[in-house]
Amino acid sequence: MRDYLAQHLELLEKELKPWRVGEEDTVEFPVGGRRVDILAKDKAGLPVVVELKVSRGHERTIGQALYYRAKIKEMSKVERVRIFIVALELSPELRAAAKELPDVLLFEYSLSMTVRSV
């Protein structure tokens, strides 16, 4: 899912593109001993931390994403970093917490597969 989404960032927002930081890959981007799933930039040039949860996004995801936001601000010398959290299901607690924070958007995904004999 991560690699597909990294190649199709426009599914999250029109004109969203991979962030370029020198030679660093912006998928699994290293930040303070951890890794941002996808680091992107929006049409205004703002960094966007994309945090993916394979199943359920819980409220602790906000703390993780805010840590990444703080580190990206420090590393990139920017004042604003947006956060996108993508999960199969978003907990009510995560939804409530995200409403209290600026520049945090939540997304739920669904997968489908078609198999055909060849």
C-alpha atoms as a PDB file:
ATOM      1  CA  MET A   1       0.000   0.000   0.000  1.00  0.00           C
ATOM      2  CA  ARG A   2       2.779   2.443   0.932  1.00  0.00           C
ATOM      3  CA  ASP A   3       4.584   2.107  -2.380  1.00  0.00           C
ATOM      4  CA  TYR A   4       1.371   2.364  -4.384  1.00  0.00           C
ATOM      5  CA  LEU A   5       0.290   5.475  -2.498  1.00  0.00           C
ATOM      6  CA  ALA A   6       3.762   7.018  -2.886  1.00  0.00           C
ATOM      7  CA  GLN A   7       3.340   6.631  -6.657  1.00  0.00           C
ATOM      8  CA  HIS A   8      -0.233   7.981  -6.582  1.00  0.00           C
ATOM      9  CA  LEU A   9      -0.172  10.849  -4.090  1.00  0.00           C
ATOM     10  CA  GLU A  10      -2.887  12.631  -6.062  1.00  0.00           C
ATOM     11  CA  LEU A  11      -5.342  10.171  -4.473  1.00  0.00           C
ATOM     12  CA  LEU A  12      -4.850  12.129  -1.254  1.00  0.00           C
ATOM     13  CA  GLU A  13      -4.695  15.612  -2.709  1.00  0.00           C
ATOM     14  CA  LYS A  14      -4.411  17.085  -6.156  1.00  0.00           C
ATOM     15  CA  GLU A  15      -0.849  18.223  -6.963  1.00  0.00           C
ATOM     16  CA  LEU A  16       0.681  16.397  -3.975  1.00  0.00           C
ATOM     17  CA  LYS A  17       4.213  15.301  -4.926  1.00  0.00           C
ATOM     18  CA  PRO A  18       7.170  13.552  -3.309  1.00  0.00           C
ATOM     19  CA  TRP A  19       9.342  15.879  -1.227  1.00  0.00           C
ATOM     20  CA  ARG A  20      12.934  15.979  -2.419  1.00  0.00           C
ATOM     21  CA  VAL A  21      15.613  16.143   0.268  1.00  0.00           C
ATOM     22  CA  GLY A  22      18.964  15.801  -1.477  1.00  0.00           C
ATOM     23  CA  GLU A  23      19.498  12.160  -2.369  1.00  0.00           C
ATOM     24  CA  GLU A  24      17.240  10.830   0.405  1.00  0.00           C
ATOM     25  CA  ASP A  25      14.272   8.719  -0.620  1.00  0.00           C
ATOM     26  CA  THR A  26      11.093  10.271   0.732  1.00  0.00           C
ATOM     27  CA  VAL A  27       9.469   6.869   1.312  1.00  0.00           C
ATOM     28  CA  GLU A  28      10.491   5.635   4.761  1.00  0.00           C
ATOM     29  CA  PHE A  29      12.227   8.983   5.252  1.00  0.00           C
ATOM     30  CA  PRO A  30      14.552   8.909   8.320  1.00  0.00           C
ATOM     31  CA  VAL A  31      13.615  11.339  11.090  1.00  0.00           C
ATOM     32  CA  GLY A  32      15.153  11.279  14.568  1.00  0.00           C
ATOM     33  CA  GLY A  33      15.796   7.538  14.609  1.00  0.00           C
ATOM     34  CA  ARG A  34      12.378   6.743  13.152  1.00  0.00           C
ATOM     35  CA  ARG A  35      10.890   6.785   9.669  1.00  0.00           C
ATOM     36  CA  VAL A  36       8.100   8.844   8.095  1.00  0.00           C
ATOM     37  CA  ASP A  37       6.094   6.553   5.807  1.00  0.00           C
ATOM     38  CA  ILE A  38       5.918   9.139   3.017  1.00  0.00           C
ATOM     39  CA  LEU A  39       7.206  12.708   2.972  1.00  0.00           C
ATOM     40  CA  ALA A  40       5.450  14.802   0.347  1.00  0.00           C
ATOM     41  CA  LYS A  41       4.838  18.439  -0.548  1.00  0.00           C
ATOM     42  CA  ASP A  42       1.603  20.155  -1.433  1.00  0.00           C
ATOM     43  CA  LYS A  43       0.942  22.629  -4.241  1.00  0.00           C
ATOM     44  CA  ALA A  44       2.029  25.513  -1.979  1.00  0.00           C
ATOM     45  CA  GLY A  45       5.361  23.755  -1.324  1.00  0.00           C
ATOM     46  CA  LEU A  46       4.554  22.808   2.282  1.00  0.00           C
ATOM     47  CA  PRO A  47       5.888  19.508   3.603  1.00  0.00           C
ATOM     48  CA  VAL A  48       3.250  16.839   4.217  1.00  0.00           C
ATOM     49  CA  VAL A  49       3.888  13.912   6.570  1.00  0.00           C
ATOM     50  CA  VAL A  50       1.848  10.930   5.358  1.00  0.00           C
ATOM     51  CA  GLU A  51       1.440   8.362   8.142  1.00  0.00           C
ATOM     52  CA  LEU A  52      -0.036   5.011   7.106  1.00  0.00           C
ATOM     53  CA  LYS A  53      -1.721   2.467   9.339  1.00  0.00           C
ATOM     54  CA  VAL A  54      -2.378  -0.919   7.750  1.00  0.00           C
ATOM     55  CA  SER A  55      -5.433  -1.558   9.889  1.00  0.00           C
ATOM     56  CA  ARG A  56      -6.794   0.764  12.573  1.00  0.00           C
ATOM     57  CA  GLY A  57      -5.526   4.254  13.321  1.00  0.00           C
ATOM     58  CA  HIS A  58      -5.586   4.885  17.084  1.00  0.00           C
ATOM     59  CA  GLU A  59      -5.226   8.158  18.998  1.00  0.00           C
ATOM     60  CA  ARG A  60      -1.528   7.470  19.696  1.00  0.00           C
ATOM     61  CA  THR A  61      -0.972   7.958  15.956  1.00  0.00           C
ATOM     62  CA  ILE A  62      -1.397  11.705  16.588  1.00  0.00           C
ATOM     63  CA  GLY A  63       1.598  11.740  18.942  1.00  0.00           C
ATOM     64  CA  GLN A  64       3.722   9.907  16.397  1.00  0.00           C
ATOM     65  CA  ALA A  65       2.693  12.283  13.604  1.00  0.00           C
ATOM     66  CA  LEU A  66       3.292  15.377  15.759  1.00  0.00           C
ATOM     67  CA  TYR A  67       6.798  14.125  16.561  1.00  0.00           C
ATOM     68  CA  TYR A  68       7.460  13.782  12.831  1.00  0.00           C
ATOM     69  CA  ARG A  69       6.020  17.260  12.234  1.00  0.00           C
ATOM     70  CA  ALA A  70       8.364  18.777  14.833  1.00  0.00           C
ATOM     71  CA  LYS A  71      11.418  17.011  13.395  1.00  0.00           C
ATOM     72  CA  ILE A  72      10.578  17.980   9.790  1.00  0.00           C
ATOM     73  CA  LYS A  73      10.097  21.614  10.870  1.00  0.00           C
ATOM     74  CA  GLU A  74      13.507  21.523  12.526  1.00  0.00           C
ATOM     75  CA  MET A  75      15.257  19.775   9.627  1.00  0.00           C
ATOM     76  CA  SER A  76      13.654  21.807   6.839  1.00  0.00           C
ATOM     77  CA  LYS A  77      13.570  25.172   8.632  1.00  0.00           C
ATOM     78  CA  VAL A  78       9.870  25.604   7.862  1.00  0.00           C
ATOM     79  CA  GLU A  79       7.126  26.895  10.139  1.00  0.00           C
ATOM     80  CA  ARG A  80       4.282  24.732   8.883  1.00  0.00           C
ATOM     81  CA  VAL A  81       4.041  21.010   8.149  1.00  0.00           C
ATOM     82  CA  ARG A  82       0.782  19.277   7.284  1.00  0.00           C
ATOM     83  CA  ILE A  83      -0.139  15.761   8.445  1.00  0.00           C
ATOM     84  CA  PHE A  84      -2.173  13.166   6.547  1.00  0.00           C
ATOM     85  CA  ILE A  85      -3.111   9.988   8.414  1.00  0.00           C
ATOM     86  CA  VAL A  86      -4.338   7.098   6.269  1.00  0.00           C
ATOM     87  CA  ALA A  87      -5.840   3.960   7.820  1.00  0.00           C
ATOM     88  CA  LEU A  88      -8.256   1.184   6.999  1.00  0.00           C
ATOM     89  CA  GLU A  89     -10.343   2.344   9.950  1.00  0.00           C
ATOM     90  CA  LEU A  90     -10.050   5.455  12.134  1.00  0.00           C
ATOM     91  CA  SER A  91     -10.875   5.145  15.813  1.00  0.00           C
ATOM     92  CA  PRO A  92     -13.354   7.624  17.324  1.00  0.00           C
ATOM     93  CA  GLU A  93     -10.561   8.841  19.620  1.00  0.00           C
ATOM     94  CA  LEU A  94      -8.278   9.589  16.660  1.00  0.00           C
ATOM     95  CA  ARG A  95     -11.082  11.439  14.889  1.00  0.00           C
ATOM     96  CA  ALA A  96     -11.741  13.564  17.985  1.00  0.00           C
ATOM     97  CA  ALA A  97      -8.044  14.317  18.563  1.00  0.00           C
ATOM     98  CA  ALA A  98      -7.463  15.292  14.923  1.00  0.00           C
ATOM     99  CA  LYS A  99     -10.286  17.853  15.070  1.00  0.00           C
ATOM    100  CA  GLU A 100      -8.280  19.744  17.702  1.00  0.00           C
ATOM    101  CA  LEU A 101      -5.177  20.121  15.550  1.00  0.00           C
ATOM    102  CA  PRO A 102      -4.535  22.405  12.579  1.00  0.00           C
ATOM    103  CA  ASP A 103      -3.301  20.904   9.319  1.00  0.00           C
ATOM    104  CA  VAL A 104      -4.244  17.303  10.149  1.00  0.00           C
ATOM    105  CA  LEU A 105      -6.344  15.409   7.611  1.00  0.00           C
ATOM    106  CA  LEU A 106      -7.674  11.882   8.053  1.00  0.00           C
ATOM    107  CA  PHE A 107      -8.296   9.346   5.292  1.00  0.00           C
ATOM    108  CA  GLU A 108      -9.759   5.859   5.287  1.00  0.00           C
ATOM    109  CA  TYR A 109      -8.835   3.482   2.498  1.00  0.00           C
ATOM    110  CA  SER A 110     -10.359   0.336   1.080  1.00  0.00           C
ATOM    111  CA  LEU A 111      -8.750  -2.285  -1.097  1.00  0.00           C
ATOM    112  CA  SER A 112     -10.213  -4.405  -3.831  1.00  0.00           C
ATOM    113  CA  MET A 113      -8.739  -7.097  -6.017  1.00  0.00           C
ATOM    114  CA  THR A 114      -9.870  -8.765  -9.198  1.00  0.00           C
ATOM    115  CA  VAL A 115      -8.465 -12.120 -10.206  1.00  0.00           C
ATOM    116  CA  ARG A 116      -8.998 -13.661 -13.612  1.00  0.00           C
ATOM    117  CA  SER A 117      -7.804 -16.801 -15.237  1.00  0.00           C
ATOM    118  CA  VAL A 118      -5.423 -16.335 -18.169  1.00  0.00           C
END
